[in-house]
Protein backbone atom coordinates (compact mmCIF):
# COMPACT_ATOMS: atom_id res chain seq x y z
CA UNK A 1 -68.64 41.97 -60.19
CA UNK A 2 -69.35 44.52 -57.60
CA UNK A 3 -71.94 41.76 -55.93
CA UNK A 4 -68.77 39.12 -55.75
CA UNK A 5 -66.45 41.93 -54.11
CA UNK A 6 -69.20 42.82 -51.82
CA UNK A 7 -69.38 39.07 -50.52
CA UNK A 8 -65.44 38.92 -50.11
CA UNK A 9 -65.23 41.75 -48.12
CA UNK A 10 -68.24 40.77 -45.73
CA UNK A 11 -66.72 37.39 -45.43
CA UNK A 12 -63.51 38.90 -44.46
CA UNK A 13 -64.90 41.29 -41.76
CA UNK A 14 -66.89 38.47 -40.43
CA UNK A 15 -64.51 35.78 -39.54
CA UNK A 16 -62.99 37.35 -36.43
CA UNK A 17 -66.41 37.78 -35.06
CA UNK A 18 -67.32 34.00 -35.78
CA UNK A 19 -63.92 32.85 -34.06
CA UNK A 20 -64.56 34.96 -31.25
CA UNK A 21 -68.18 33.32 -30.67
CA UNK A 22 -66.62 29.92 -31.04
CA UNK A 23 -63.84 30.45 -28.76
CA UNK A 24 -65.66 29.15 -25.36
CA UNK A 25 -65.98 25.85 -27.27
CA UNK A 26 -62.65 25.21 -28.64
CA UNK A 27 -60.29 23.20 -25.97
CA UNK A 28 -56.86 24.80 -24.93
CA UNK A 29 -53.73 22.78 -25.91
CA UNK A 30 -52.61 20.67 -22.74
CA UNK A 31 -49.42 21.97 -21.11
CA UNK A 32 -46.50 20.74 -21.85
CA UNK A 33 -44.72 18.06 -19.72
CA UNK A 34 -40.96 17.90 -19.58
CA UNK A 35 -40.05 14.27 -20.20
CA UNK A 36 -36.55 12.37 -20.66
CA UNK A 37 -35.97 11.18 -24.23
CA UNK A 38 -35.02 7.95 -22.81
CA UNK A 39 -35.70 5.52 -20.06
CA UNK A 40 -32.87 4.78 -18.03
CA UNK A 41 -34.43 1.69 -16.25
CA UNK A 42 -33.18 -2.01 -16.99
CA UNK A 43 -29.67 -3.96 -17.28
CA UNK A 44 -26.63 -2.89 -18.55
CA UNK A 45 -22.81 -4.57 -19.08
CA UNK A 46 -19.87 -2.45 -19.66
CA UNK A 47 -15.82 -2.21 -19.87
CA UNK A 48 -13.41 0.40 -18.38
CA UNK A 49 -9.79 1.55 -17.80
CA UNK A 50 -8.31 3.56 -15.04
CA UNK A 51 -5.64 4.61 -12.72
CA UNK A 52 -5.08 3.92 -8.92
CA UNK A 53 -3.16 5.49 -6.33
CA UNK A 54 -2.00 4.12 -3.23
CA UNK A 55 0.59 5.64 -0.19
CA UNK A 56 1.36 2.36 1.03
CA UNK A 57 1.66 3.77 4.36
CA UNK A 58 3.00 1.72 7.24
CA UNK A 59 3.23 2.43 11.01
CA UNK A 60 5.12 0.51 13.66
CA UNK A 61 2.68 -1.79 15.34
CA UNK A 62 4.83 -3.41 18.08
CA UNK A 63 8.22 -4.39 19.04
CA UNK A 64 10.25 -6.46 21.66
CA UNK A 65 14.07 -7.75 22.62
CA UNK A 66 16.95 -5.81 23.67
CA UNK A 67 18.12 -4.01 20.70
CA UNK A 68 15.12 -3.31 18.73
CA UNK A 69 13.55 -0.98 21.31
CA UNK A 70 16.48 1.33 21.50
CA UNK A 71 16.76 1.15 17.83
CA UNK A 72 13.08 2.36 17.75
CA UNK A 73 13.43 5.24 20.18
CA UNK A 74 16.40 6.31 18.05
CA UNK A 75 14.56 6.45 15.05
CA UNK A 76 16.73 3.70 13.48
CA UNK A 77 13.23 2.36 12.30
CA UNK A 78 10.58 5.00 10.82
CA UNK A 79 7.77 5.13 13.00
CA UNK A 80 5.79 5.83 10.13
CA UNK A 81 6.50 5.61 6.33
CA UNK A 82 4.59 5.93 2.95
CA UNK A 83 5.03 7.28 -0.47
CA UNK A 84 2.66 7.38 -3.40
CA UNK A 85 2.56 4.44 -6.07
CA UNK A 86 0.41 4.83 -9.10
CA UNK A 87 -0.65 1.88 -11.35
CA UNK A 88 -3.12 0.58 -14.00
CA UNK A 89 -6.14 -1.24 -14.17
CA UNK A 90 -8.72 -2.93 -16.52
CA UNK A 91 -11.99 -4.45 -16.08
CA UNK A 92 -15.54 -5.06 -16.53
CA UNK A 93 -18.89 -4.51 -14.63
CA UNK A 94 -22.68 -5.05 -14.88
CA UNK A 95 -25.42 -3.32 -13.17
CA UNK A 96 -29.32 -2.75 -12.99
CA UNK A 97 -30.90 0.78 -13.30
CA UNK A 98 -34.55 1.80 -11.95
CA UNK A 99 -35.87 5.30 -13.03
CA UNK A 100 -38.36 7.43 -11.31
CA UNK A 101 -38.95 10.72 -12.87
CA UNK A 102 -35.01 12.34 -12.83
CA UNK A 103 -33.95 9.99 -9.97
CA UNK A 104 -32.02 7.01 -11.36
CA UNK A 105 -30.88 4.25 -8.44
CA UNK A 106 -29.70 0.93 -8.88
CA UNK A 107 -26.75 -1.53 -8.13
CA UNK A 108 -23.63 -2.09 -9.96
CA UNK A 109 -21.02 -4.81 -9.56
CA UNK A 110 -17.33 -4.83 -11.12
CA UNK A 111 -13.95 -6.84 -11.20
CA UNK A 112 -10.80 -5.37 -12.67
CA UNK A 113 -6.98 -6.78 -12.77
CA UNK A 114 -4.89 -3.91 -11.12
CA UNK A 115 -1.20 -3.39 -10.84
CA UNK A 116 -0.51 -0.69 -8.34
CA UNK A 117 2.54 -0.74 -6.10
CA UNK A 118 3.94 1.66 -3.46
CA UNK A 119 7.17 1.07 -2.29
CA UNK A 120 9.76 3.00 0.04
CA UNK A 121 12.94 2.77 1.90
CA UNK A 122 14.67 4.30 5.05
CA UNK A 123 18.39 4.12 5.90
CA UNK A 124 19.97 5.16 9.18
CA UNK A 125 23.49 4.74 10.79
CA UNK A 126 23.44 3.43 13.98
CA UNK A 127 25.44 5.85 16.72
CA UNK A 128 23.43 4.60 19.55
CA UNK A 129 26.09 4.61 22.46
CA UNK A 130 27.06 1.07 23.55
CA UNK A 131 25.82 -0.45 20.54
CA UNK A 132 27.41 -3.38 18.92
CA UNK A 133 26.56 -2.33 16.10
CA UNK A 134 27.99 1.24 15.92
CA UNK A 135 28.38 3.01 12.26
CA UNK A 136 26.58 0.05 10.87
CA UNK A 137 23.70 1.31 8.29
CA UNK A 138 20.18 -0.03 9.13
CA UNK A 139 18.43 0.14 5.69
CA UNK A 140 14.59 -1.12 5.92
CA UNK A 141 12.12 -1.40 2.54
CA UNK A 142 8.45 -1.26 2.33
CA UNK A 143 5.90 -2.25 -0.32
CA UNK A 144 2.11 -2.72 -0.83
CA UNK A 145 0.96 -4.48 -4.09
CA UNK A 146 -2.72 -4.37 -5.00
CA UNK A 147 -4.08 -7.37 -7.73
CA UNK A 148 -7.47 -8.35 -8.69
CA UNK A 149 -10.08 -5.83 -7.36
CA UNK A 150 -13.74 -6.06 -7.47
CA UNK A 151 -16.70 -4.06 -5.73
CA UNK A 152 -20.15 -4.33 -5.36
CA UNK A 153 -21.94 -1.10 -4.91
CA UNK A 154 -25.51 0.70 -4.76
CA UNK A 155 -25.52 3.94 -6.62
CA UNK A 156 -27.96 7.04 -7.01
CA UNK A 157 -28.52 10.13 -8.54
CA UNK A 158 -30.21 12.61 -10.96
CA UNK A 159 -30.54 13.32 -14.34
CA UNK A 160 -29.49 16.68 -16.10
CA UNK A 161 -30.60 16.36 -19.56
CA UNK A 162 -28.73 13.26 -20.90
CA UNK A 163 -26.30 13.20 -17.84
CA UNK A 164 -26.60 11.43 -14.64
CA UNK A 165 -24.78 12.70 -11.78
CA UNK A 166 -24.26 10.02 -9.07
CA UNK A 167 -22.69 8.77 -5.87
CA UNK A 168 -22.16 5.35 -4.71
CA UNK A 169 -21.16 3.12 -1.95
CA UNK A 170 -20.48 -0.55 -1.30
CA UNK A 171 -18.48 -3.33 -0.68
CA UNK A 172 -14.58 -3.94 -2.00
CA UNK A 173 -12.39 -7.02 -2.12
CA UNK A 174 -9.20 -7.30 -3.50
CA UNK A 175 -5.66 -9.09 -3.56
CA UNK A 176 -3.15 -7.43 -1.57
CA UNK A 177 0.47 -7.95 -0.53
CA UNK A 178 2.68 -6.13 2.10
CA UNK A 179 6.18 -6.78 2.70
CA UNK A 180 8.88 -5.28 4.55
CA UNK A 181 12.78 -6.27 4.97
CA UNK A 182 15.97 -5.02 6.79
CA UNK A 183 19.33 -5.01 5.51
CA UNK A 184 22.92 -4.05 7.73
CA UNK A 185 25.44 -4.01 4.89
CA UNK A 186 28.19 -3.49 6.88
CA UNK A 187 28.42 -6.73 8.52
CA UNK A 188 26.76 -8.36 5.33
CA UNK A 189 23.01 -9.10 6.96
CA UNK A 190 19.83 -9.26 5.01
CA UNK A 191 16.71 -10.66 6.65
CA UNK A 192 14.04 -12.86 5.24
CA UNK A 193 11.24 -10.83 3.36
CA UNK A 194 8.68 -10.61 5.95
CA UNK A 195 5.51 -10.41 4.09
CA UNK A 196 1.73 -11.09 4.02
CA UNK A 197 -0.66 -11.49 0.92
CA UNK A 198 -4.12 -12.44 0.32
CA UNK A 199 -7.52 -11.46 -0.34
CA UNK A 200 -8.82 -8.42 1.97
CA UNK A 201 -12.19 -7.23 2.40
CA UNK A 202 -13.58 -3.36 2.78
CA UNK A 203 -15.54 -0.97 1.43
CA UNK A 204 -15.76 1.60 -1.36
CA UNK A 205 -17.36 4.86 -1.60
CA UNK A 206 -16.99 7.28 -4.26
CA UNK A 207 -19.53 9.24 -7.22
CA UNK A 208 -19.22 10.11 -10.89
CA UNK A 209 -20.93 11.03 -14.00
CA UNK A 210 -22.26 9.10 -16.96
CA UNK A 211 -23.58 10.40 -20.13
CA UNK A 212 -25.87 8.93 -22.58
CA UNK A 213 -24.41 8.83 -26.20
CA UNK A 214 -27.20 6.87 -27.94
CA UNK A 215 -30.40 5.13 -26.14
CA UNK A 216 -28.42 2.25 -25.59
CA UNK A 217 -24.71 3.62 -25.30
CA UNK A 218 -23.39 5.79 -22.49
CA UNK A 219 -19.93 6.95 -21.19
CA UNK A 220 -19.17 6.70 -17.80
CA UNK A 221 -16.21 8.43 -15.56
CA UNK A 222 -16.14 7.41 -11.75
CA UNK A 223 -13.83 8.14 -8.74
CA UNK A 224 -13.82 6.06 -5.78
CA UNK A 225 -12.11 5.81 -2.42
CA UNK A 226 -11.25 2.13 -1.74
CA UNK A 227 -10.08 0.74 1.96
CA UNK A 228 -9.28 -2.67 2.02
CA UNK A 229 -8.51 -3.27 5.94
CA UNK A 230 -5.28 -2.71 7.65
CA UNK A 231 -2.80 -5.45 7.80
CA UNK A 232 -0.01 -6.20 10.59
CA UNK A 233 3.04 -7.99 9.00
CA UNK A 234 5.42 -9.25 11.68
CA UNK A 235 9.56 -9.26 11.52
CA UNK A 236 11.68 -11.61 13.11
CA UNK A 237 14.98 -13.67 12.58
CA UNK A 238 15.75 -16.06 15.67
CA UNK A 239 18.60 -17.27 13.92
CA UNK A 240 20.38 -14.22 13.88
CA UNK A 241 18.91 -12.01 16.46
CA UNK A 242 17.03 -14.26 18.84
CA UNK A 243 14.16 -12.58 20.77
CA UNK A 244 14.21 -9.28 18.84
CA UNK A 245 11.17 -8.54 16.88
CA UNK A 246 9.23 -5.65 15.19
CA UNK A 247 6.09 -5.43 13.04
CA UNK A 248 4.17 -2.83 11.26
CA UNK A 249 0.76 -1.92 9.99
CA UNK A 250 -0.03 -1.62 6.66
CA UNK A 251 -3.09 0.83 5.57
CA UNK A 252 -4.35 -0.94 2.26
CA UNK A 253 -6.21 1.90 0.83
CA UNK A 254 -6.25 3.63 -2.30
CA UNK A 255 -7.73 6.23 -4.97
CA UNK A 256 -9.22 4.98 -8.11
CA UNK A 257 -10.46 6.85 -11.01
CA UNK A 258 -11.86 5.16 -14.20
CA UNK A 259 -13.27 5.92 -17.69
CA UNK A 260 -15.65 3.40 -19.37
CA UNK A 261 -18.64 2.50 -21.67
CA UNK A 262 -21.86 0.77 -20.88
CA UNK A 263 -24.50 -1.04 -23.37
CA UNK A 264 -28.07 -1.04 -22.06
CA UNK A 265 -30.34 -3.62 -23.26
């Protein structure tokens, strides 16, 4: 019995020594390298909804005639006008990402149906000395309407855990209508609606956040400034006011914020 106890105690005392003797021959564990749990590379598709805001800014571009220059000089027509209009949009997009370490870059395209309208009006009474329309109100109305909107953009950013913080820039195109009109109610005059509409091309720039919910599903928020190029609308009514003309330059830009989901495959 005493012999068994002696052997057990001796074994316990010699274990640290043996471990120390073997330490040069035991490899240390390799250092831990931080890696992202899921690769963001590959194609994706998604859907989104959002809001757009436009000022509908318009400024006098040119004018001619005997009456219109006096009217402009005396502020019967606004030199510049604009008022914020807000509307909604819904759309779909697709893209492709390439990941290198914590950097993710790629290309993205989307198209949306939008209903964004900015309208404004202006009214002054003609008190110009010698004017044939003294005491008559000069009422003008202005509007800018956005319809279908599409973008094709490059984007790039860095991962912070499961969240991608990115910037983006590229081409934009969309349906835009610009119009203005004139009314002189005291003499019963209403002008034709002077308007121009069609697809305008421009650019989009912005940024956003995208967060991975699962390996294949992400939630994305982005904000874009979209500029679809200015347009000049000419106004004239030769039958009622021969030789008189007035034109406005409309600034077709807006700010867009969108929230959507994307699925990767």
